[in-house]
Amino acid sequence: MRSSISNFKERLRLPRLFFRKPSREEQIHGGPPLEFERPIPTAPWRGIAVVVTIVVIVATAAWELYCRSLGYAPTLNDNEDLWTMRRRIVEPESLVIIGDSRAWFDVDLDEFQKGLGKRPIQLAMAGSTVLPALADLAEDKNFHGTIICSVVPHLFFAPPGSPPMDRAEKGIKRFH
């Protein structure tokens, strides 16, 4: 009785390359045959590259338009540079909002402007303490406007050298 694996080559119809004896050079050096060449099929590669590029651009633009239709919009990174830019436009009679991420994300500046008649300047920084910004505004001889301060106890009393304190102090150092 023949076993099911005795006619393995015939059943799979694998090319002879997989079952031939290696040559002397192949036995010495190992690996694939020395004359191995992989032919690259002739195809319109330039056209394929152009089509793929166009498809990627169209897909990215479609995704961007879809996200915009849902109400998403590009934003700026909240870093020391942005804080410094906003701090430079503080005028003597400005309305300034300082604090942590609650003041940064939960305050609607448009509603403030509708209700108070002037737009507040947002100086809150996510994950930072308010003390350095409050001290900086208090020491500013030109500023005598209104400060709205958001206080989260464990961030407000952050010890010197802690990440919330460092984040806030970086903006102050960058400004001066």
Protein backbone atom coordinates (compact mmCIF):
# COMPACT_ATOMS: atom_id res chain seq x y z
CA MET A 1 0.00 0.00 0.00
CA ARG A 2 1.33 3.38 -0.98
CA SER A 3 1.39 6.09 1.64
CA SER A 4 -0.24 9.44 1.06
CA ILE A 5 3.10 11.20 1.18
CA SER A 6 4.99 8.94 -1.20
CA ASN A 7 3.68 10.82 -4.21
CA PHE A 8 4.16 14.23 -2.57
CA LYS A 9 5.91 15.79 -5.59
CA GLU A 10 3.27 14.71 -8.06
CA ARG A 11 0.34 15.82 -5.94
CA LEU A 12 1.63 19.34 -5.30
CA ARG A 13 3.25 19.70 -8.72
CA LEU A 14 6.09 21.71 -7.28
CA PRO A 15 8.88 22.82 -9.62
CA ARG A 16 11.94 20.65 -9.85
CA LEU A 17 14.08 23.34 -8.19
CA PHE A 18 12.79 22.36 -4.75
CA PHE A 19 13.81 18.71 -5.10
CA ARG A 20 17.03 18.64 -7.12
CA LYS A 21 20.39 17.82 -5.64
CA PRO A 22 22.49 20.89 -4.87
CA SER A 23 25.61 21.41 -6.96
CA ARG A 24 29.11 21.19 -5.48
CA GLU A 25 29.34 25.02 -5.24
CA GLU A 26 25.98 25.16 -3.49
CA GLN A 27 27.08 22.49 -1.03
CA ILE A 28 30.23 24.46 -0.21
CA HIS A 29 28.71 27.96 -0.06
CA GLY A 30 25.12 27.08 0.81
CA GLY A 31 22.14 29.22 -0.08
CA PRO A 32 20.41 29.60 -3.41
CA PRO A 33 22.00 28.61 -6.70
CA LEU A 34 24.86 30.86 -7.76
CA GLU A 35 23.21 31.74 -11.06
CA PHE A 36 20.03 32.95 -9.34
CA GLU A 37 18.47 35.98 -10.98
CA ARG A 38 15.12 37.47 -10.18
CA PRO A 39 13.66 39.01 -13.29
CA ILE A 40 11.63 42.16 -12.76
CA PRO A 41 8.51 42.01 -14.88
CA THR A 42 8.13 44.70 -17.46
CA ALA A 43 5.37 46.99 -16.30
CA PRO A 44 4.60 50.69 -16.61
CA TRP A 45 6.18 51.50 -13.22
CA ARG A 46 6.10 55.26 -13.73
CA GLY A 47 2.38 55.16 -14.47
CA ILE A 48 1.75 52.90 -11.49
CA ALA A 49 3.65 55.30 -9.21
CA VAL A 50 1.65 58.27 -10.53
CA VAL A 51 -1.67 56.46 -10.04
CA VAL A 52 -0.75 55.38 -6.49
CA THR A 53 0.33 58.94 -5.63
CA ILE A 54 -2.93 60.37 -6.96
CA VAL A 55 -4.98 57.78 -5.06
CA VAL A 56 -3.15 58.61 -1.80
CA ILE A 57 -3.65 62.36 -2.29
CA VAL A 58 -7.35 61.95 -3.13
CA ALA A 59 -7.89 59.61 -0.15
CA THR A 60 -6.15 62.04 2.21
CA ALA A 61 -8.16 64.98 0.89
CA ALA A 62 -11.41 63.01 1.20
CA TRP A 63 -10.58 62.06 4.80
CA GLU A 64 -9.73 65.69 5.62
CA LEU A 65 -13.03 66.92 4.13
CA TYR A 66 -14.95 64.24 6.01
CA CYS A 67 -13.33 65.21 9.32
CA ARG A 68 -14.00 68.90 8.64
CA SER A 69 -17.67 68.09 7.93
CA LEU A 70 -17.86 66.51 11.40
CA GLY A 71 -16.65 69.77 12.93
CA TYR A 72 -12.99 68.95 13.49
CA ALA A 73 -10.50 71.69 12.67
CA PRO A 74 -6.74 72.02 12.89
CA THR A 75 -5.38 73.30 16.17
CA LEU A 76 -2.11 74.67 17.46
CA ASN A 77 0.20 72.82 19.82
CA ASP A 78 -0.07 74.15 23.36
CA ASN A 79 3.59 74.87 24.09
CA GLU A 80 5.79 77.65 25.42
CA ASP A 81 5.93 79.42 22.05
CA LEU A 82 2.15 79.69 21.78
CA TRP A 83 1.91 80.86 25.39
CA THR A 84 4.57 83.52 24.73
CA MET A 85 2.76 84.76 21.62
CA ARG A 86 -0.47 85.14 23.59
CA ARG A 87 1.31 86.75 26.57
CA ARG A 88 2.85 89.41 24.30
CA ILE A 89 -0.58 90.69 23.25
CA VAL A 90 -1.72 91.32 26.84
CA GLU A 91 -2.60 95.00 27.15
CA PRO A 92 -3.07 97.03 30.37
CA GLU A 93 -6.88 96.56 30.41
CA SER A 94 -7.00 92.98 29.11
CA LEU A 95 -9.20 90.20 30.41
CA VAL A 96 -6.84 87.24 30.96
CA ILE A 97 -7.70 83.60 31.68
CA ILE A 98 -4.98 81.61 33.45
CA GLY A 99 -4.95 78.14 34.91
CA ASP A 100 -4.68 74.53 33.86
CA SER A 101 -6.41 72.36 31.26
CA ARG A 102 -9.88 73.06 32.68
CA ALA A 103 -9.51 76.74 31.87
CA TRP A 104 -7.87 75.89 28.55
CA PHE A 105 -10.53 73.50 27.26
CA ASP A 106 -13.70 74.45 29.16
CA VAL A 107 -13.85 78.19 28.47
CA ASP A 108 -15.69 79.34 25.36
CA LEU A 109 -13.93 82.54 24.30
CA ASP A 110 -16.67 83.44 21.81
CA GLU A 111 -19.31 83.39 24.56
CA PHE A 112 -17.10 85.53 26.79
CA GLN A 113 -16.74 88.02 23.97
CA LYS A 114 -20.51 88.11 23.39
CA GLY A 115 -21.24 88.64 27.08
CA LEU A 116 -18.45 91.04 28.05
CA GLY A 117 -17.84 92.88 24.81
CA LYS A 118 -14.13 92.09 24.60
CA ARG A 119 -12.31 88.87 23.88
CA PRO A 120 -10.29 87.39 26.75
CA ILE A 121 -6.70 86.31 26.26
CA GLN A 122 -6.21 82.62 26.96
CA LEU A 123 -3.02 82.00 28.97
CA ALA A 124 -4.03 78.68 30.53
CA MET A 125 -1.68 75.74 29.95
CA ALA A 126 -2.73 72.10 30.11
CA GLY A 127 -1.13 70.19 32.98
CA SER A 128 0.51 73.19 34.60
CA THR A 129 0.13 75.19 37.76
CA VAL A 130 -1.22 78.73 37.73
CA LEU A 131 1.24 80.26 40.21
CA PRO A 132 4.05 81.32 37.82
CA ALA A 133 1.59 82.98 35.40
CA LEU A 134 -0.23 84.69 38.28
CA ALA A 135 3.06 85.94 39.73
CA ASP A 136 4.20 87.17 36.30
CA LEU A 137 1.01 89.15 35.73
CA ALA A 138 1.12 90.53 39.29
CA GLU A 139 4.71 91.75 38.78
CA ASP A 140 3.88 93.37 35.43
CA LYS A 141 3.64 97.12 36.18
CA ASN A 142 1.71 97.81 32.95
CA PHE A 143 -1.01 95.22 33.52
CA HIS A 144 -4.02 96.22 35.63
CA GLY A 145 -6.75 94.26 33.88
CA THR A 146 -8.90 91.35 35.05
CA ILE A 147 -7.63 87.83 35.72
CA ILE A 148 -9.89 84.79 35.69
CA CYS A 149 -7.99 82.04 37.47
CA SER A 150 -8.77 78.32 37.38
CA VAL A 151 -7.57 76.49 40.47
CA VAL A 152 -7.14 72.73 40.86
CA PRO A 153 -5.71 72.14 44.35
CA HIS A 154 -3.16 69.44 43.54
CA LEU A 155 -1.85 71.48 40.58
CA PHE A 156 -2.07 74.83 42.37
CA PHE A 157 0.15 73.62 45.19
CA ALA A 158 2.58 71.71 42.96
CA PRO A 159 6.08 71.70 44.48
CA PRO A 160 8.95 73.43 42.70
CA GLY A 161 10.66 71.15 40.21
CA SER A 162 7.54 69.09 39.55
CA PRO A 163 6.29 68.70 35.95
CA PRO A 164 3.32 71.11 36.39
CA MET A 165 5.62 73.79 37.81
CA ASP A 166 8.27 73.21 35.12
CA ARG A 167 5.69 73.45 32.34
CA ALA A 168 4.44 76.80 33.60
CA GLU A 169 7.92 78.19 34.27
CA LYS A 170 9.09 77.34 30.74
CA GLY A 171 6.49 79.70 29.30
CA ILE A 172 7.46 82.49 31.68
CA LYS A 173 11.18 82.05 30.92
CA ARG A 174 10.46 82.04 27.21
CA PHE A 175 8.48 85.28 27.52
CA HIS A 176 11.23 87.13 29.38
